[in-house]
Amino acid sequence: MSETPVKIGFVTVSDRASSGVYEDLGGPAMQDWIGKALKTPWQPEARLIPDEQAVIEATLKELADEAGCCLILTTGGTGPAKRDVTPEATEAVCDKILDGFAEQMRAVSLQYVPTAILSRQIAGTRGSSLIINLPGKPSAIAECLEAVFPAVPYCIDLIEGPYLETNEDFIQAFRPKHARKPQ
């Protein structure tokens, strides 16, 4: 009996990439990282959209409510520029904001670049979906996911999403003993 793959949303928010001015590197970087991290079968739901708050909100709602993604990762639109509105869109559609994700991602990013203090990425839940805003640069995406992903599977457990298992040679999920499935 084969397991039905869980759905994971990947949203690149970029005016220029969405209009073909340059190649989207963030979306593929997120998918590549998740491909290494998850043992649980999964399928991507990828979107490439402009920096428009209404479009971002509609995309996040569609991925959570209609596509049934348990995890939605965004890249782009988290800086201080006028068109950077991904955090505002994320906050507008979330039931709960999980400040610890943003705190940890910025703390890790500050080890690499002093401009990490300019990042406004956030994370939150919508129903049984966890939404995490990531930076735009592929190396920063990996650094941030490495920092927060150990908590992601248990967070998804707590919001009644699917049980995600990681490839422990790449990254180890943390769950309290009572929340672990027997091996």
N, C-alpha and C. Protein backbone atom coordinates (compact mmCIF):
# COMPACT_ATOMS: atom_id res chain seq x y z
N MET A 1 0.84 -1.18 0.00
CA MET A 1 0.00 0.00 0.00
C MET A 1 0.89 1.24 0.00
N SER A 2 0.72 2.08 -1.00
CA SER A 2 1.57 3.27 -1.07
C SER A 2 0.91 4.42 -0.33
N GLU A 3 1.77 5.21 0.29
CA GLU A 3 1.32 6.36 1.05
C GLU A 3 0.94 7.48 0.09
N THR A 4 -0.15 8.18 0.36
CA THR A 4 -0.49 9.35 -0.43
C THR A 4 0.50 10.45 -0.08
N PRO A 5 1.15 11.04 -1.08
CA PRO A 5 2.14 12.09 -0.76
C PRO A 5 1.48 13.30 -0.10
N VAL A 6 2.18 13.89 0.86
CA VAL A 6 1.71 15.14 1.45
C VAL A 6 2.03 16.25 0.45
N LYS A 7 1.25 17.30 0.51
CA LYS A 7 1.48 18.43 -0.38
C LYS A 7 2.21 19.54 0.36
N ILE A 8 3.21 20.08 -0.31
CA ILE A 8 3.98 21.18 0.24
C ILE A 8 3.97 22.32 -0.77
N GLY A 9 3.61 23.50 -0.30
CA GLY A 9 3.55 24.68 -1.16
C GLY A 9 4.87 25.42 -1.17
N PHE A 10 5.24 25.88 -2.36
CA PHE A 10 6.46 26.66 -2.55
C PHE A 10 6.07 27.91 -3.33
N VAL A 11 6.22 29.07 -2.71
CA VAL A 11 5.79 30.31 -3.34
C VAL A 11 6.98 31.25 -3.48
N THR A 12 7.32 31.56 -4.72
CA THR A 12 8.33 32.59 -4.98
C THR A 12 7.59 33.89 -5.24
N VAL A 13 7.90 34.90 -4.43
CA VAL A 13 7.28 36.21 -4.57
C VAL A 13 8.33 37.15 -5.17
N SER A 14 8.14 37.50 -6.44
CA SER A 14 9.11 38.35 -7.13
C SER A 14 8.49 38.95 -8.38
N ASP A 15 8.47 40.27 -8.44
CA ASP A 15 7.98 40.95 -9.65
C ASP A 15 8.82 40.53 -10.85
N ARG A 16 10.14 40.58 -10.69
CA ARG A 16 11.03 40.33 -11.83
C ARG A 16 11.03 38.87 -12.27
N ALA A 17 11.09 37.94 -11.33
CA ALA A 17 11.09 36.52 -11.72
C ALA A 17 9.73 36.14 -12.32
N SER A 18 8.65 36.67 -11.77
CA SER A 18 7.32 36.30 -12.28
C SER A 18 7.06 36.88 -13.66
N SER A 19 7.78 37.95 -14.03
CA SER A 19 7.61 38.53 -15.37
C SER A 19 8.69 38.06 -16.33
N GLY A 20 9.56 37.15 -15.89
CA GLY A 20 10.57 36.57 -16.77
C GLY A 20 11.84 37.38 -16.92
N VAL A 21 12.03 38.42 -16.11
CA VAL A 21 13.24 39.23 -16.19
C VAL A 21 14.46 38.43 -15.73
N TYR A 22 14.28 37.61 -14.72
CA TYR A 22 15.34 36.69 -14.32
C TYR A 22 14.76 35.39 -13.82
N GLU A 23 15.64 34.40 -13.72
CA GLU A 23 15.23 33.05 -13.34
C GLU A 23 14.93 32.96 -11.85
N ASP A 24 13.90 32.21 -11.52
CA ASP A 24 13.56 31.95 -10.12
C ASP A 24 14.54 30.93 -9.57
N LEU A 25 15.38 31.34 -8.65
CA LEU A 25 16.32 30.43 -8.00
C LEU A 25 15.82 29.99 -6.63
N GLY A 26 14.98 30.82 -6.00
CA GLY A 26 14.49 30.53 -4.65
C GLY A 26 13.56 29.34 -4.60
N GLY A 27 12.60 29.28 -5.52
CA GLY A 27 11.65 28.16 -5.54
C GLY A 27 12.34 26.82 -5.67
N PRO A 28 13.22 26.66 -6.68
CA PRO A 28 13.95 25.40 -6.81
C PRO A 28 14.84 25.10 -5.59
N ALA A 29 15.42 26.14 -4.99
CA ALA A 29 16.27 25.92 -3.81
C ALA A 29 15.46 25.36 -2.64
N MET A 30 14.23 25.89 -2.45
CA MET A 30 13.37 25.38 -1.37
C MET A 30 13.01 23.93 -1.64
N GLN A 31 12.63 23.61 -2.87
CA GLN A 31 12.23 22.24 -3.22
C GLN A 31 13.39 21.28 -3.07
N ASP A 32 14.57 21.70 -3.49
CA ASP A 32 15.75 20.85 -3.37
C ASP A 32 16.04 20.53 -1.89
N TRP A 33 15.94 21.54 -1.04
CA TRP A 33 16.21 21.34 0.39
C TRP A 33 15.20 20.38 1.00
N ILE A 34 13.92 20.58 0.71
CA ILE A 34 12.87 19.71 1.24
C ILE A 34 13.07 18.28 0.71
N GLY A 35 13.50 18.16 -0.53
CA GLY A 35 13.77 16.84 -1.10
C GLY A 35 14.83 16.07 -0.32
N LYS A 36 15.80 16.79 0.21
CA LYS A 36 16.85 16.15 1.02
C LYS A 36 16.36 15.90 2.45
N ALA A 37 15.47 16.76 2.94
CA ALA A 37 15.07 16.71 4.34
C ALA A 37 14.00 15.67 4.65
N LEU A 38 13.05 15.48 3.74
CA LEU A 38 11.89 14.64 4.07
C LEU A 38 12.01 13.20 3.57
N LYS A 39 11.70 12.28 4.48
CA LYS A 39 11.57 10.87 4.13
C LYS A 39 10.13 10.59 3.71
N THR A 40 9.19 11.31 4.29
CA THR A 40 7.77 11.18 3.95
C THR A 40 7.57 11.54 2.48
N PRO A 41 6.84 10.73 1.73
CA PRO A 41 6.56 11.09 0.33
C PRO A 41 5.81 12.44 0.26
N TRP A 42 6.22 13.28 -0.68
CA TRP A 42 5.60 14.60 -0.81
C TRP A 42 5.54 15.00 -2.28
N GLN A 43 4.65 15.94 -2.53
CA GLN A 43 4.57 16.50 -3.88
C GLN A 43 4.51 18.01 -3.78
N PRO A 44 5.19 18.70 -4.70
CA PRO A 44 5.21 20.15 -4.65
C PRO A 44 3.99 20.79 -5.28
N GLU A 45 3.61 21.91 -4.72
CA GLU A 45 2.62 22.82 -5.31
C GLU A 45 3.35 24.15 -5.42
N ALA A 46 3.96 24.40 -6.58
CA ALA A 46 4.81 25.58 -6.75
C ALA A 46 4.07 26.72 -7.42
N ARG A 47 4.34 27.94 -6.95
CA ARG A 47 3.74 29.14 -7.52
C ARG A 47 4.83 30.21 -7.66
N LEU A 48 4.76 30.98 -8.72
CA LEU A 48 5.67 32.10 -8.97
C LEU A 48 4.78 33.31 -9.22
N ILE A 49 4.81 34.26 -8.28
CA ILE A 49 3.84 35.37 -8.30
C ILE A 49 4.54 36.71 -8.07
N PRO A 50 3.89 37.81 -8.47
CA PRO A 50 4.47 39.14 -8.24
C PRO A 50 4.29 39.59 -6.79
N ASP A 51 5.00 40.67 -6.47
CA ASP A 51 4.93 41.29 -5.13
C ASP A 51 3.65 42.11 -4.99
N GLU A 52 2.52 41.44 -4.97
CA GLU A 52 1.23 42.10 -4.81
C GLU A 52 0.54 41.44 -3.62
N GLN A 53 0.24 42.22 -2.58
CA GLN A 53 -0.29 41.65 -1.35
C GLN A 53 -1.54 40.82 -1.59
N ALA A 54 -2.47 41.30 -2.40
CA ALA A 54 -3.71 40.55 -2.64
C ALA A 54 -3.42 39.21 -3.32
N VAL A 55 -2.47 39.20 -4.24
CA VAL A 55 -2.10 37.95 -4.94
C VAL A 55 -1.42 36.98 -3.98
N ILE A 56 -0.55 37.51 -3.13
CA ILE A 56 0.14 36.65 -2.15
C ILE A 56 -0.89 36.04 -1.19
N GLU A 57 -1.79 36.87 -0.68
CA GLU A 57 -2.83 36.36 0.23
C GLU A 57 -3.67 35.28 -0.45
N ALA A 58 -4.11 35.55 -1.67
CA ALA A 58 -4.95 34.58 -2.39
C ALA A 58 -4.19 33.27 -2.63
N THR A 59 -2.91 33.37 -2.94
CA THR A 59 -2.09 32.18 -3.20
C THR A 59 -1.92 31.36 -1.93
N LEU A 60 -1.63 32.02 -0.81
CA LEU A 60 -1.47 31.31 0.46
C LEU A 60 -2.78 30.63 0.87
N LYS A 61 -3.89 31.33 0.71
CA LYS A 61 -5.20 30.74 1.04
C LYS A 61 -5.48 29.53 0.16
N GLU A 62 -5.21 29.65 -1.13
CA GLU A 62 -5.46 28.55 -2.07
C GLU A 62 -4.62 27.33 -1.70
N LEU A 63 -3.34 27.55 -1.39
CA LEU A 63 -2.47 26.42 -1.05
C LEU A 63 -2.89 25.75 0.26
N ALA A 64 -3.31 26.54 1.23
CA ALA A 64 -3.72 26.00 2.52
C ALA A 64 -5.12 25.38 2.45
N ASP A 65 -6.07 26.12 1.92
CA ASP A 65 -7.48 25.73 2.00
C ASP A 65 -7.93 24.79 0.89
N GLU A 66 -7.43 24.98 -0.30
CA GLU A 66 -7.88 24.17 -1.44
C GLU A 66 -6.91 23.05 -1.79
N ALA A 67 -5.62 23.39 -1.89
CA ALA A 67 -4.63 22.36 -2.25
C ALA A 67 -4.31 21.45 -1.06
N GLY A 68 -4.56 21.92 0.16
CA GLY A 68 -4.32 21.11 1.35
C GLY A 68 -2.86 20.92 1.70
N CYS A 69 -2.04 21.95 1.46
CA CYS A 69 -0.62 21.87 1.80
C CYS A 69 -0.44 21.96 3.32
N CYS A 70 0.31 21.03 3.88
CA CYS A 70 0.56 21.06 5.32
C CYS A 70 1.66 22.07 5.66
N LEU A 71 2.52 22.35 4.68
CA LEU A 71 3.63 23.28 4.85
C LEU A 71 3.67 24.14 3.61
N ILE A 72 3.78 25.45 3.81
CA ILE A 72 3.90 26.39 2.70
C ILE A 72 5.13 27.25 2.98
N LEU A 73 6.09 27.20 2.08
CA LEU A 73 7.30 28.00 2.20
C LEU A 73 7.26 29.10 1.17
N THR A 74 7.58 30.33 1.59
CA THR A 74 7.66 31.43 0.65
C THR A 74 9.10 31.92 0.60
N THR A 75 9.47 32.51 -0.52
CA THR A 75 10.76 33.16 -0.65
C THR A 75 10.54 34.48 -1.34
N GLY A 76 11.19 35.51 -0.84
CA GLY A 76 11.10 36.83 -1.45
C GLY A 76 10.10 37.73 -0.77
N GLY A 77 10.31 39.04 -0.94
CA GLY A 77 9.38 40.03 -0.45
C GLY A 77 9.40 40.28 1.03
N THR A 78 10.53 39.98 1.71
CA THR A 78 10.57 40.13 3.17
C THR A 78 11.44 41.29 3.64
N GLY A 79 11.98 42.06 2.71
CA GLY A 79 12.85 43.17 3.09
C GLY A 79 12.09 44.46 3.37
N PRO A 80 12.82 45.59 3.44
CA PRO A 80 12.18 46.86 3.75
C PRO A 80 11.72 47.66 2.53
N ALA A 81 11.95 47.16 1.31
CA ALA A 81 11.55 47.90 0.12
C ALA A 81 10.03 48.07 0.07
N LYS A 82 9.58 49.10 -0.62
CA LYS A 82 8.14 49.40 -0.67
C LYS A 82 7.32 48.23 -1.19
N ARG A 83 7.82 47.47 -2.16
CA ARG A 83 7.06 46.36 -2.75
C ARG A 83 7.16 45.08 -1.93
N ASP A 84 7.98 45.04 -0.88
CA ASP A 84 8.14 43.85 -0.04
C ASP A 84 6.97 43.75 0.93
N VAL A 85 5.99 42.89 0.60
CA VAL A 85 4.77 42.79 1.41
C VAL A 85 4.42 41.34 1.80
N THR A 86 5.38 40.42 1.62
CA THR A 86 5.09 39.03 1.96
C THR A 86 4.71 38.86 3.44
N PRO A 87 5.42 39.48 4.39
CA PRO A 87 5.01 39.31 5.80
C PRO A 87 3.61 39.85 6.08
N GLU A 88 3.26 40.97 5.48
CA GLU A 88 1.93 41.53 5.69
C GLU A 88 0.86 40.58 5.16
N ALA A 89 1.10 40.01 3.97
CA ALA A 89 0.15 39.06 3.38
C ALA A 89 0.05 37.81 4.24
N THR A 90 1.18 37.33 4.73
CA THR A 90 1.20 36.13 5.56
C THR A 90 0.42 36.37 6.85
N GLU A 91 0.71 37.47 7.50
CA GLU A 91 0.00 37.79 8.75
C GLU A 91 -1.50 37.91 8.52
N ALA A 92 -1.90 38.48 7.39
CA ALA A 92 -3.32 38.68 7.10
C ALA A 92 -4.09 37.37 6.96
N VAL A 93 -3.41 36.29 6.53
CA VAL A 93 -4.12 35.03 6.31
C VAL A 93 -3.92 34.01 7.44
N CYS A 94 -3.04 34.31 8.39
CA CYS A 94 -2.74 33.34 9.44
C CYS A 94 -3.69 33.46 10.64
N ASP A 95 -3.95 32.29 11.25
CA ASP A 95 -4.71 32.23 12.49
C ASP A 95 -3.83 32.62 13.68
N LYS A 96 -2.58 32.15 13.64
CA LYS A 96 -1.63 32.40 14.72
C LYS A 96 -0.26 32.68 14.11
N ILE A 97 0.45 33.64 14.69
CA ILE A 97 1.82 33.95 14.28
C ILE A 97 2.76 33.26 15.27
N LEU A 98 3.78 32.61 14.76
CA LEU A 98 4.75 31.88 15.58
C LEU A 98 6.09 32.64 15.53
N ASP A 99 6.25 33.58 16.46
CA ASP A 99 7.40 34.48 16.45
C ASP A 99 8.75 33.78 16.54
N GLY A 100 8.79 32.62 17.18
CA GLY A 100 10.06 31.92 17.37
C GLY A 100 10.75 31.57 16.06
N PHE A 101 9.98 31.26 15.03
CA PHE A 101 10.58 30.95 13.73
C PHE A 101 11.37 32.14 13.20
N ALA A 102 10.74 33.32 13.20
CA ALA A 102 11.40 34.52 12.69
C ALA A 102 12.62 34.88 13.53
N GLU A 103 12.47 34.78 14.84
CA GLU A 103 13.59 35.10 15.73
C GLU A 103 14.79 34.20 15.44
N GLN A 104 14.53 32.90 15.29
CA GLN A 104 15.61 31.96 15.04
C GLN A 104 16.24 32.18 13.66
N MET A 105 15.41 32.43 12.65
CA MET A 105 15.96 32.64 11.30
C MET A 105 16.84 33.88 11.25
N ARG A 106 16.40 34.96 11.88
CA ARG A 106 17.22 36.18 11.88
C ARG A 106 18.50 35.98 12.68
N ALA A 107 18.42 35.28 13.80
CA ALA A 107 19.62 35.02 14.61
C ALA A 107 20.66 34.25 13.80
N VAL A 108 20.20 33.24 13.07
CA VAL A 108 21.13 32.45 12.25
C VAL A 108 21.68 33.29 11.10
N SER A 109 20.81 34.02 10.42
CA SER A 109 21.24 34.83 9.29
C SER A 109 22.25 35.90 9.69
N LEU A 110 22.12 36.42 10.92
CA LEU A 110 23.07 37.43 11.40
C LEU A 110 24.49 36.89 11.54
N GLN A 111 24.63 35.59 11.62
CA GLN A 111 25.97 34.99 11.67
C GLN A 111 26.66 35.11 10.32
N TYR A 112 25.90 35.35 9.25
CA TYR A 112 26.44 35.41 7.90
C TYR A 112 26.48 36.82 7.33
N VAL A 113 25.43 37.62 7.57
CA VAL A 113 25.37 38.97 7.00
C VAL A 113 24.74 39.95 8.00
N PRO A 114 25.32 41.14 8.14
CA PRO A 114 24.75 42.12 9.07
C PRO A 114 23.40 42.65 8.61
N THR A 115 23.10 42.52 7.33
CA THR A 115 21.81 43.01 6.81
C THR A 115 20.64 42.09 7.16
N ALA A 116 20.89 40.99 7.86
CA ALA A 116 19.80 40.11 8.29
C ALA A 116 18.82 40.86 9.19
N ILE A 117 19.25 41.92 9.83
CA ILE A 117 18.34 42.70 10.68
C ILE A 117 17.27 43.40 9.85
N LEU A 118 17.46 43.47 8.55
CA LEU A 118 16.46 44.09 7.67
C LEU A 118 15.36 43.13 7.27
N SER A 119 15.55 41.85 7.55
CA SER A 119 14.57 40.85 7.14
C SER A 119 13.36 40.88 8.06
N ARG A 120 12.18 40.80 7.45
CA ARG A 120 10.94 40.86 8.22
C ARG A 120 10.15 39.57 8.11
N GLN A 121 10.80 38.48 7.70
CA GLN A 121 10.07 37.23 7.50
C GLN A 121 9.40 36.77 8.79
N ILE A 122 8.24 36.14 8.62
CA ILE A 122 7.47 35.63 9.75
C ILE A 122 7.01 34.20 9.44
N ALA A 123 6.36 33.60 10.40
CA ALA A 123 5.76 32.28 10.22
C ALA A 123 4.46 32.24 11.01
N GLY A 124 3.55 31.41 10.54
CA GLY A 124 2.28 31.29 11.23
C GLY A 124 1.49 30.11 10.72
N THR A 125 0.33 29.91 11.31
CA THR A 125 -0.52 28.79 10.93
C THR A 125 -1.83 29.30 10.33
N ARG A 126 -2.33 28.53 9.40
CA ARG A 126 -3.66 28.74 8.84
C ARG A 126 -4.29 27.35 8.80
N GLY A 127 -5.26 27.12 9.69
CA GLY A 127 -5.85 25.79 9.76
C GLY A 127 -4.78 24.76 10.09
N SER A 128 -4.65 23.74 9.24
CA SER A 128 -3.63 22.69 9.43
C SER A 128 -2.41 22.92 8.56
N SER A 129 -2.16 24.18 8.21
CA SER A 129 -0.99 24.54 7.39
C SER A 129 -0.05 25.43 8.18
N LEU A 130 1.23 25.16 8.05
CA LEU A 130 2.28 26.01 8.60
C LEU A 130 2.87 26.80 7.44
N ILE A 131 2.91 28.12 7.57
CA ILE A 131 3.46 29.01 6.54
C ILE A 131 4.72 29.64 7.09
N ILE A 132 5.82 29.54 6.34
CA ILE A 132 7.09 30.11 6.76
C ILE A 132 7.63 30.98 5.63
N ASN A 133 7.92 32.26 5.95
CA ASN A 133 8.57 33.15 4.99
C ASN A 133 10.07 32.95 5.10
N LEU A 134 10.71 32.76 3.97
CA LEU A 134 12.16 32.59 3.91
C LEU A 134 12.79 33.73 3.12
N PRO A 135 14.10 33.94 3.29
CA PRO A 135 14.77 34.95 2.48
C PRO A 135 14.81 34.53 1.01
N GLY A 136 15.32 35.40 0.15
CA GLY A 136 15.34 35.12 -1.27
C GLY A 136 16.56 34.40 -1.79
N LYS A 137 17.68 34.52 -1.12
CA LYS A 137 18.93 33.94 -1.61
C LYS A 137 18.98 32.44 -1.29
N PRO A 138 19.30 31.59 -2.27
CA PRO A 138 19.32 30.14 -2.01
C PRO A 138 20.16 29.71 -0.81
N SER A 139 21.33 30.31 -0.61
CA SER A 139 22.15 29.90 0.54
C SER A 139 21.45 30.30 1.85
N ALA A 140 20.79 31.45 1.88
CA ALA A 140 20.07 31.89 3.08
C ALA A 140 18.84 31.03 3.33
N ILE A 141 18.20 30.57 2.25
CA ILE A 141 17.06 29.65 2.39
C ILE A 141 17.51 28.40 3.14
N ALA A 142 18.63 27.83 2.72
CA ALA A 142 19.15 26.61 3.36
C ALA A 142 19.53 26.87 4.81
N GLU A 143 20.19 27.99 5.08
CA GLU A 143 20.60 28.31 6.45
C GLU A 143 19.38 28.44 7.37
N CYS A 144 18.35 29.12 6.88
CA CYS A 144 17.15 29.33 7.70
C CYS A 144 16.38 28.03 7.90
N LEU A 145 16.24 27.24 6.84
CA LEU A 145 15.52 25.97 7.00
C LEU A 145 16.26 25.04 7.96
N GLU A 146 17.57 25.01 7.85
CA GLU A 146 18.36 24.18 8.77
C GLU A 146 18.13 24.60 10.21
N ALA A 147 17.96 25.90 10.43
CA ALA A 147 17.77 26.43 11.79
C ALA A 147 16.40 26.11 12.37
N VAL A 148 15.36 26.14 11.55
CA VAL A 148 14.00 25.99 12.10
C VAL A 148 13.34 24.65 11.81
N PHE A 149 13.83 23.91 10.83
CA PHE A 149 13.11 22.71 10.42
C PHE A 149 13.00 21.63 11.49
N PRO A 150 13.94 21.52 12.43
CA PRO A 150 13.75 20.51 13.47
C PRO A 150 12.42 20.65 14.22
N ALA A 151 11.85 21.86 14.28
CA ALA A 151 10.57 22.08 14.96
C ALA A 151 9.37 21.94 14.04
N VAL A 152 9.58 21.91 12.73
CA VAL A 152 8.47 21.92 11.77
C VAL A 152 7.57 20.68 11.88
N PRO A 153 8.10 19.45 11.86
CA PRO A 153 7.20 18.30 11.91
C PRO A 153 6.31 18.27 13.16
N TYR A 154 6.86 18.61 14.32
CA TYR A 154 6.05 18.60 15.53
C TYR A 154 5.02 19.72 15.50
N CYS A 155 5.39 20.88 14.96
CA CYS A 155 4.41 21.96 14.81
C CYS A 155 3.25 21.49 13.95
N ILE A 156 3.55 20.80 12.86
CA ILE A 156 2.49 20.30 11.98
C ILE A 156 1.64 19.25 12.70
N ASP A 157 2.27 18.43 13.56
CA ASP A 157 1.49 17.51 14.40
C ASP A 157 0.48 18.29 15.25
N LEU A 158 0.95 19.37 15.87
CA LEU A 158 0.13 20.13 16.80
C LEU A 158 -1.06 20.83 16.12
N ILE A 159 -0.93 21.13 14.83
CA ILE A 159 -2.04 21.77 14.12
C ILE A 159 -2.84 20.74 13.31
N GLU A 160 -2.64 19.47 13.68
CA GLU A 160 -3.40 18.34 13.13
C GLU A 160 -3.14 18.10 11.65
N GLY A 161 -1.89 18.32 11.25
CA GLY A 161 -1.46 17.99 9.90
C GLY A 161 -0.89 16.58 9.88
N PRO A 162 -0.32 16.17 8.74
CA PRO A 162 0.24 14.82 8.62
C PRO A 162 1.54 14.66 9.42
N TYR A 163 1.86 13.41 9.71
CA TYR A 163 3.09 13.08 10.44
C TYR A 163 4.25 13.08 9.45
N LEU A 164 5.15 14.05 9.56
CA LEU A 164 6.29 14.15 8.65
C LEU A 164 7.52 13.51 9.27
N GLU A 165 8.19 12.67 8.49
CA GLU A 165 9.44 12.06 8.93
C GLU A 165 10.58 12.62 8.11
N THR A 166 11.71 12.87 8.78
CA THR A 166 12.86 13.44 8.11
C THR A 166 13.91 12.38 7.80
N ASN A 167 14.77 12.70 6.84
CA ASN A 167 15.96 11.90 6.57
C ASN A 167 16.98 12.32 7.64
N GLU A 168 17.13 11.49 8.63
CA GLU A 168 17.92 11.88 9.81
C GLU A 168 19.40 12.09 9.53
N ASP A 169 19.90 11.57 8.41
CA ASP A 169 21.29 11.85 8.07
C ASP A 169 21.45 13.27 7.52
N PHE A 170 20.32 13.93 7.17
CA PHE A 170 20.36 15.30 6.66
C PHE A 170 19.91 16.29 7.74
N ILE A 171 18.76 16.01 8.37
CA ILE A 171 18.25 16.87 9.45
C ILE A 171 17.37 16.02 10.36
N GLN A 172 17.45 16.28 11.65
CA GLN A 172 16.64 15.52 12.60
C GLN A 172 15.52 16.38 13.14
N ALA A 173 14.32 15.84 13.04
CA ALA A 173 13.16 16.52 13.64
C ALA A 173 13.16 16.26 15.14
N PHE A 174 12.69 17.22 15.89
CA PHE A 174 12.55 17.03 17.33
C PHE A 174 11.06 16.86 17.65
N ARG A 175 10.78 15.81 18.37
CA ARG A 175 9.44 15.59 18.93
C ARG A 175 9.62 15.11 20.36
N PRO A 176 8.75 15.56 21.27
CA PRO A 176 8.79 14.99 22.62
C PRO A 176 8.51 13.48 22.51
N LYS A 177 8.99 12.74 23.48
CA LYS A 177 8.83 11.27 23.43
C LYS A 177 7.39 10.85 23.20
N HIS A 178 6.43 11.51 23.84
CA HIS A 178 5.03 11.11 23.72
C HIS A 178 4.47 11.32 22.30
N ALA A 179 5.16 12.14 21.49
CA ALA A 179 4.65 12.46 20.15
C ALA A 179 5.32 11.64 19.04
N ARG A 180 6.24 10.76 19.41
CA ARG A 180 6.95 9.97 18.39
C ARG A 180 6.18 8.69 18.06
N LYS A 181 6.16 8.38 16.77
CA LYS A 181 5.54 7.10 16.35
C LYS A 181 6.53 5.99 16.64
N PRO A 182 6.04 4.84 17.05
CA PRO A 182 6.94 3.72 17.28
C PRO A 182 7.61 3.29 15.97
N GLN A 183 8.86 2.89 16.07
CA GLN A 183 9.61 2.48 14.87
C GLN A 183 9.35 1.04 14.53
